């Protein structure tokens, strides 16, 4: 039994857990904290996604967890390799804030909203429904997924704790 086990997911990182362990990622501003959950086997996965597209990646080693278009297939593969069924998965996401007011309306600086859009596009591509989300705004978040219950908790200074 792995109750009370906390698994931290860092920035541009992903991981899975089961049996009541908790996945947590902190410091979500424009980043998106995405979770996938299989309720039949209580297996959850979390990715801390920093950017929308891997097309901007420099040559060399690609960190798949960093980008929406690569993190979602990588997390999906990891979960299905551990017994999850893609048809049972549901997604929850938080973050994607616009942390700073912009003087120009340039799309390149809309990282948070672009991250959310890219995550939703990738989930749609794989046929994974979004069960709940808490995105946008101008504030940071810390999120946790309890793999025993599937509850996704969001903490912020401005709004306290809420569960989705």
C-alpha atoms as a PDB file:
ATOM      1  CA  UNK A   1       0.000   0.000   0.000  1.00  0.00           C
ATOM      2  CA  UNK A   2       1.401   3.405  -0.966  1.00  0.00           C
ATOM      3  CA  UNK A   3      -0.897   5.767   0.917  1.00  0.00           C
ATOM      4  CA  UNK A   4       0.748   8.972   2.092  1.00  0.00           C
ATOM      5  CA  UNK A   5       3.379   8.687  -0.625  1.00  0.00           C
ATOM      6  CA  UNK A   6       4.038  12.011  -2.327  1.00  0.00           C
ATOM      7  CA  UNK A   7       5.619  12.043  -5.769  1.00  0.00           C
ATOM      8  CA  UNK A   8       6.810  15.454  -6.904  1.00  0.00           C
ATOM      9  CA  UNK A   9       6.660  16.300 -10.570  1.00  0.00           C
ATOM     10  CA  UNK A  10       9.119  19.051 -11.442  1.00  0.00           C
ATOM     11  CA  UNK A  11       8.939  21.663 -14.146  1.00  0.00           C
ATOM     12  CA  UNK A  12       9.097  20.045 -17.610  1.00  0.00           C
ATOM     13  CA  UNK A  13       8.656  16.639 -15.970  1.00  0.00           C
ATOM     14  CA  UNK A  14       6.095  13.850 -15.901  1.00  0.00           C
ATOM     15  CA  UNK A  15       5.404  10.808 -13.746  1.00  0.00           C
ATOM     16  CA  UNK A  16       2.776   8.247 -12.813  1.00  0.00           C
ATOM     17  CA  UNK A  17       1.526   6.835  -9.512  1.00  0.00           C
ATOM     18  CA  UNK A  18      -1.082   4.423  -8.172  1.00  0.00           C
ATOM     19  CA  UNK A  19      -2.574   2.926  -5.018  1.00  0.00           C
ATOM     20  CA  UNK A  20      -3.360   6.200  -3.288  1.00  0.00           C
ATOM     21  CA  UNK A  21      -0.019   7.935  -3.870  1.00  0.00           C
ATOM     22  CA  UNK A  22      -0.270  11.673  -4.557  1.00  0.00           C
ATOM     23  CA  UNK A  23       1.300  13.405  -7.545  1.00  0.00           C
ATOM     24  CA  UNK A  24       2.141  17.094  -6.970  1.00  0.00           C
ATOM     25  CA  UNK A  25       3.545  19.880  -9.091  1.00  0.00           C
ATOM     26  CA  UNK A  26       4.227  23.380  -7.880  1.00  0.00           C
ATOM     27  CA  UNK A  27       4.783  26.756  -9.424  1.00  0.00           C
ATOM     28  CA  UNK A  28       2.267  26.658 -12.249  1.00  0.00           C
ATOM     29  CA  UNK A  29       2.068  30.106 -13.785  1.00  0.00           C
ATOM     30  CA  UNK A  30       1.820  29.956 -17.561  1.00  0.00           C
ATOM     31  CA  UNK A  31       2.642  26.233 -17.360  1.00  0.00           C
ATOM     32  CA  UNK A  32      -0.139  23.628 -17.392  1.00  0.00           C
ATOM     33  CA  UNK A  33      -0.442  20.864 -14.813  1.00  0.00           C
ATOM     34  CA  UNK A  34      -2.124  18.070 -16.757  1.00  0.00           C
ATOM     35  CA  UNK A  35      -3.331  14.834 -15.194  1.00  0.00           C
ATOM     36  CA  UNK A  36      -4.686  11.671 -16.762  1.00  0.00           C
ATOM     37  CA  UNK A  37      -6.524   9.191 -14.575  1.00  0.00           C
ATOM     38  CA  UNK A  38      -7.751   5.619 -15.035  1.00  0.00           C
ATOM     39  CA  UNK A  39     -10.412   5.065 -12.340  1.00  0.00           C
ATOM     40  CA  UNK A  40     -10.600   1.298 -12.791  1.00  0.00           C
ATOM     41  CA  UNK A  41      -7.005   0.699 -11.692  1.00  0.00           C
ATOM     42  CA  UNK A  42      -6.479   3.978  -9.776  1.00  0.00           C
ATOM     43  CA  UNK A  43      -3.520   4.914 -11.955  1.00  0.00           C
ATOM     44  CA  UNK A  44      -2.772   8.580 -12.437  1.00  0.00           C
ATOM     45  CA  UNK A  45      -0.254  10.493 -14.452  1.00  0.00           C
ATOM     46  CA  UNK A  46       0.866  14.106 -14.301  1.00  0.00           C
ATOM     47  CA  UNK A  47       2.837  16.348 -16.630  1.00  0.00           C
ATOM     48  CA  UNK A  48       4.133  19.859 -15.906  1.00  0.00           C
ATOM     49  CA  UNK A  49       3.987  21.341 -19.408  1.00  0.00           C
ATOM     50  CA  UNK A  50       5.969  24.519 -20.039  1.00  0.00           C
ATOM     51  CA  UNK A  51       5.481  25.288 -23.726  1.00  0.00           C
ATOM     52  CA  UNK A  52       2.960  24.531 -26.472  1.00  0.00           C
ATOM     53  CA  UNK A  53       5.089  23.069 -29.250  1.00  0.00           C
ATOM     54  CA  UNK A  54       8.309  21.098 -29.573  1.00  0.00           C
ATOM     55  CA  UNK A  55       8.930  22.802 -32.924  1.00  0.00           C
ATOM     56  CA  UNK A  56      10.922  25.441 -31.049  1.00  0.00           C
ATOM     57  CA  UNK A  57      13.201  22.858 -29.409  1.00  0.00           C
ATOM     58  CA  UNK A  58      16.889  23.256 -30.076  1.00  0.00           C
ATOM     59  CA  UNK A  59      18.830  20.464 -31.705  1.00  0.00           C
ATOM     60  CA  UNK A  60      20.035  17.771 -29.367  1.00  0.00           C
ATOM     61  CA  UNK A  61      18.139  16.099 -26.544  1.00  0.00           C
ATOM     62  CA  UNK A  62      14.387  16.747 -26.604  1.00  0.00           C
ATOM     63  CA  UNK A  63      12.707  16.829 -23.200  1.00  0.00           C
ATOM     64  CA  UNK A  64       9.321  15.398 -24.192  1.00  0.00           C
ATOM     65  CA  UNK A  65       7.702  16.501 -20.907  1.00  0.00           C
ATOM     66  CA  UNK A  66       8.387  20.166 -21.659  1.00  0.00           C
ATOM     67  CA  UNK A  67       5.994  20.536 -24.602  1.00  0.00           C
ATOM     68  CA  UNK A  68       2.250  19.908 -24.912  1.00  0.00           C
ATOM     69  CA  UNK A  69       2.576  18.096 -28.249  1.00  0.00           C
ATOM     70  CA  UNK A  70       5.132  15.615 -26.891  1.00  0.00           C
ATOM     71  CA  UNK A  71       4.235  15.359 -23.174  1.00  0.00           C
ATOM     72  CA  UNK A  72       0.731  14.014 -23.758  1.00  0.00           C
ATOM     73  CA  UNK A  73       1.728  11.098 -26.018  1.00  0.00           C
ATOM     74  CA  UNK A  74       4.657  10.299 -23.679  1.00  0.00           C
ATOM     75  CA  UNK A  75       2.401  10.290 -20.602  1.00  0.00           C
ATOM     76  CA  UNK A  76      -0.244   8.256 -22.423  1.00  0.00           C
ATOM     77  CA  UNK A  77       2.354   5.656 -23.462  1.00  0.00           C
ATOM     78  CA  UNK A  78       3.770   5.425 -19.935  1.00  0.00           C
ATOM     79  CA  UNK A  79       0.308   4.914 -18.473  1.00  0.00           C
ATOM     80  CA  UNK A  80      -0.810   2.315 -21.003  1.00  0.00           C
ATOM     81  CA  UNK A  81       2.478   0.460 -20.461  1.00  0.00           C
ATOM     82  CA  UNK A  82       1.439   0.218 -16.784  1.00  0.00           C
ATOM     83  CA  UNK A  83      -2.047  -1.129 -17.467  1.00  0.00           C
ATOM     84  CA  UNK A  84      -4.191   1.932 -18.116  1.00  0.00           C
ATOM     85  CA  UNK A  85      -6.701   1.786 -20.946  1.00  0.00           C
ATOM     86  CA  UNK A  86      -6.776   4.895 -23.136  1.00  0.00           C
ATOM     87  CA  UNK A  87     -10.566   4.517 -23.411  1.00  0.00           C
ATOM     88  CA  UNK A  88     -10.938   4.938 -19.607  1.00  0.00           C
ATOM     89  CA  UNK A  89      -8.703   7.983 -19.236  1.00  0.00           C
ATOM     90  CA  UNK A  90     -10.000  11.420 -18.383  1.00  0.00           C
ATOM     91  CA  UNK A  91      -7.938  14.594 -18.159  1.00  0.00           C
ATOM     92  CA  UNK A  92      -7.929  17.417 -15.638  1.00  0.00           C
ATOM     93  CA  UNK A  93      -5.808  20.504 -16.060  1.00  0.00           C
ATOM     94  CA  UNK A  94      -4.904  23.728 -14.320  1.00  0.00           C
ATOM     95  CA  UNK A  95      -2.575  26.637 -14.932  1.00  0.00           C
ATOM     96  CA  UNK A  96      -2.074  28.453 -18.209  1.00  0.00           C
ATOM     97  CA  UNK A  97      -2.206  31.828 -16.490  1.00  0.00           C
ATOM     98  CA  UNK A  98      -1.243  35.092 -18.149  1.00  0.00           C
ATOM     99  CA  UNK A  99       1.038  36.176 -15.331  1.00  0.00           C
ATOM    100  CA  UNK A 100       2.000  39.592 -16.661  1.00  0.00           C
ATOM    101  CA  UNK A 101       0.064  42.370 -18.360  1.00  0.00           C
ATOM    102  CA  UNK A 102       1.338  42.851 -21.883  1.00  0.00           C
ATOM    103  CA  UNK A 103       1.843  46.226 -23.533  1.00  0.00           C
ATOM    104  CA  UNK A 104       1.718  44.642 -26.980  1.00  0.00           C
ATOM    105  CA  UNK A 105      -0.851  42.158 -28.158  1.00  0.00           C
ATOM    106  CA  UNK A 106       1.823  39.846 -29.539  1.00  0.00           C
ATOM    107  CA  UNK A 107       0.778  36.188 -29.658  1.00  0.00           C
ATOM    108  CA  UNK A 108       4.268  34.978 -28.778  1.00  0.00           C
ATOM    109  CA  UNK A 109       3.904  36.340 -25.240  1.00  0.00           C
ATOM    110  CA  UNK A 110       0.548  34.634 -24.611  1.00  0.00           C
ATOM    111  CA  UNK A 111       2.324  31.530 -23.336  1.00  0.00           C
ATOM    112  CA  UNK A 112      -0.328  30.487 -20.788  1.00  0.00           C
ATOM    113  CA  UNK A 113      -3.325  30.632 -23.138  1.00  0.00           C
ATOM    114  CA  UNK A 114      -1.300  29.004 -25.938  1.00  0.00           C
ATOM    115  CA  UNK A 115      -0.281  26.191 -23.570  1.00  0.00           C
ATOM    116  CA  UNK A 116      -3.918  25.516 -22.678  1.00  0.00           C
ATOM    117  CA  UNK A 117      -4.938  25.529 -26.359  1.00  0.00           C
ATOM    118  CA  UNK A 118      -2.106  23.126 -27.270  1.00  0.00           C
ATOM    119  CA  UNK A 119      -2.964  20.741 -24.412  1.00  0.00           C
ATOM    120  CA  UNK A 120      -6.620  20.669 -25.472  1.00  0.00           C
ATOM    121  CA  UNK A 121      -5.679  20.014 -29.102  1.00  0.00           C
ATOM    122  CA  UNK A 122      -3.405  17.112 -28.134  1.00  0.00           C
ATOM    123  CA  UNK A 123      -6.040  15.594 -25.837  1.00  0.00           C
ATOM    124  CA  UNK A 124      -8.616  15.851 -28.629  1.00  0.00           C
ATOM    125  CA  UNK A 125      -6.198  14.142 -31.036  1.00  0.00           C
ATOM    126  CA  UNK A 126      -5.995  11.150 -28.683  1.00  0.00           C
ATOM    127  CA  UNK A 127      -9.722  11.179 -27.886  1.00  0.00           C
ATOM    128  CA  UNK A 128      -9.174  11.903 -24.177  1.00  0.00           C
ATOM    129  CA  UNK A 129     -12.042  13.879 -22.630  1.00  0.00           C
ATOM    130  CA  UNK A 130     -11.430  16.781 -20.263  1.00  0.00           C
ATOM    131  CA  UNK A 131     -13.281  16.067 -17.012  1.00  0.00           C
ATOM    132  CA  UNK A 132     -12.450  19.434 -15.405  1.00  0.00           C
ATOM    133  CA  UNK A 133     -10.159  22.421 -15.694  1.00  0.00           C
ATOM    134  CA  UNK A 134      -9.074  25.525 -13.828  1.00  0.00           C
ATOM    135  CA  UNK A 135      -7.104  27.555 -16.351  1.00  0.00           C
ATOM    136  CA  UNK A 136      -6.334  31.163 -17.143  1.00  0.00           C
ATOM    137  CA  UNK A 137      -6.380  34.067 -14.765  1.00  0.00           C
ATOM    138  CA  UNK A 138      -3.320  35.900 -13.501  1.00  0.00           C
ATOM    139  CA  UNK A 139      -2.244  33.775 -10.539  1.00  0.00           C
ATOM    140  CA  UNK A 140      -0.040  30.802  -9.776  1.00  0.00           C
ATOM    141  CA  UNK A 141      -1.176  27.373  -8.675  1.00  0.00           C
ATOM    142  CA  UNK A 142       0.056  24.198  -7.016  1.00  0.00           C
ATOM    143  CA  UNK A 143      -1.827  21.040  -7.967  1.00  0.00           C
ATOM    144  CA  UNK A 144      -2.132  17.498  -6.651  1.00  0.00           C
ATOM    145  CA  UNK A 145      -3.752  14.329  -7.930  1.00  0.00           C
ATOM    146  CA  UNK A 146      -4.809  11.740  -5.352  1.00  0.00           C
ATOM    147  CA  UNK A 147      -4.569   8.433  -7.211  1.00  0.00           C
ATOM    148  CA  UNK A 148      -6.812   6.725  -4.674  1.00  0.00           C
ATOM    149  CA  UNK A 149      -9.800   8.945  -5.412  1.00  0.00           C
ATOM    150  CA  UNK A 150      -8.960  10.778  -8.630  1.00  0.00           C
ATOM    151  CA  UNK A 151      -9.461  14.115  -6.841  1.00  0.00           C
ATOM    152  CA  UNK A 152      -7.456  16.960  -8.345  1.00  0.00           C
ATOM    153  CA  UNK A 153      -6.718  19.705  -5.796  1.00  0.00           C
ATOM    154  CA  UNK A 154      -5.661  23.202  -6.764  1.00  0.00           C
ATOM    155  CA  UNK A 155      -4.057  25.594  -4.297  1.00  0.00           C
ATOM    156  CA  UNK A 156      -3.495  29.285  -4.872  1.00  0.00           C
ATOM    157  CA  UNK A 157      -2.779  32.220  -2.597  1.00  0.00           C
ATOM    158  CA  UNK A 158      -5.730  34.169  -3.994  1.00  0.00           C
ATOM    159  CA  UNK A 159      -8.387  31.438  -3.881  1.00  0.00           C
ATOM    160  CA  UNK A 160      -7.246  28.876  -1.298  1.00  0.00           C
ATOM    161  CA  UNK A 161      -7.885  25.204  -2.099  1.00  0.00           C
ATOM    162  CA  UNK A 162     -10.467  23.789  -4.456  1.00  0.00           C
ATOM    163  CA  UNK A 163     -11.068  20.319  -5.784  1.00  0.00           C
ATOM    164  CA  UNK A 164     -12.146  19.416  -9.292  1.00  0.00           C
END
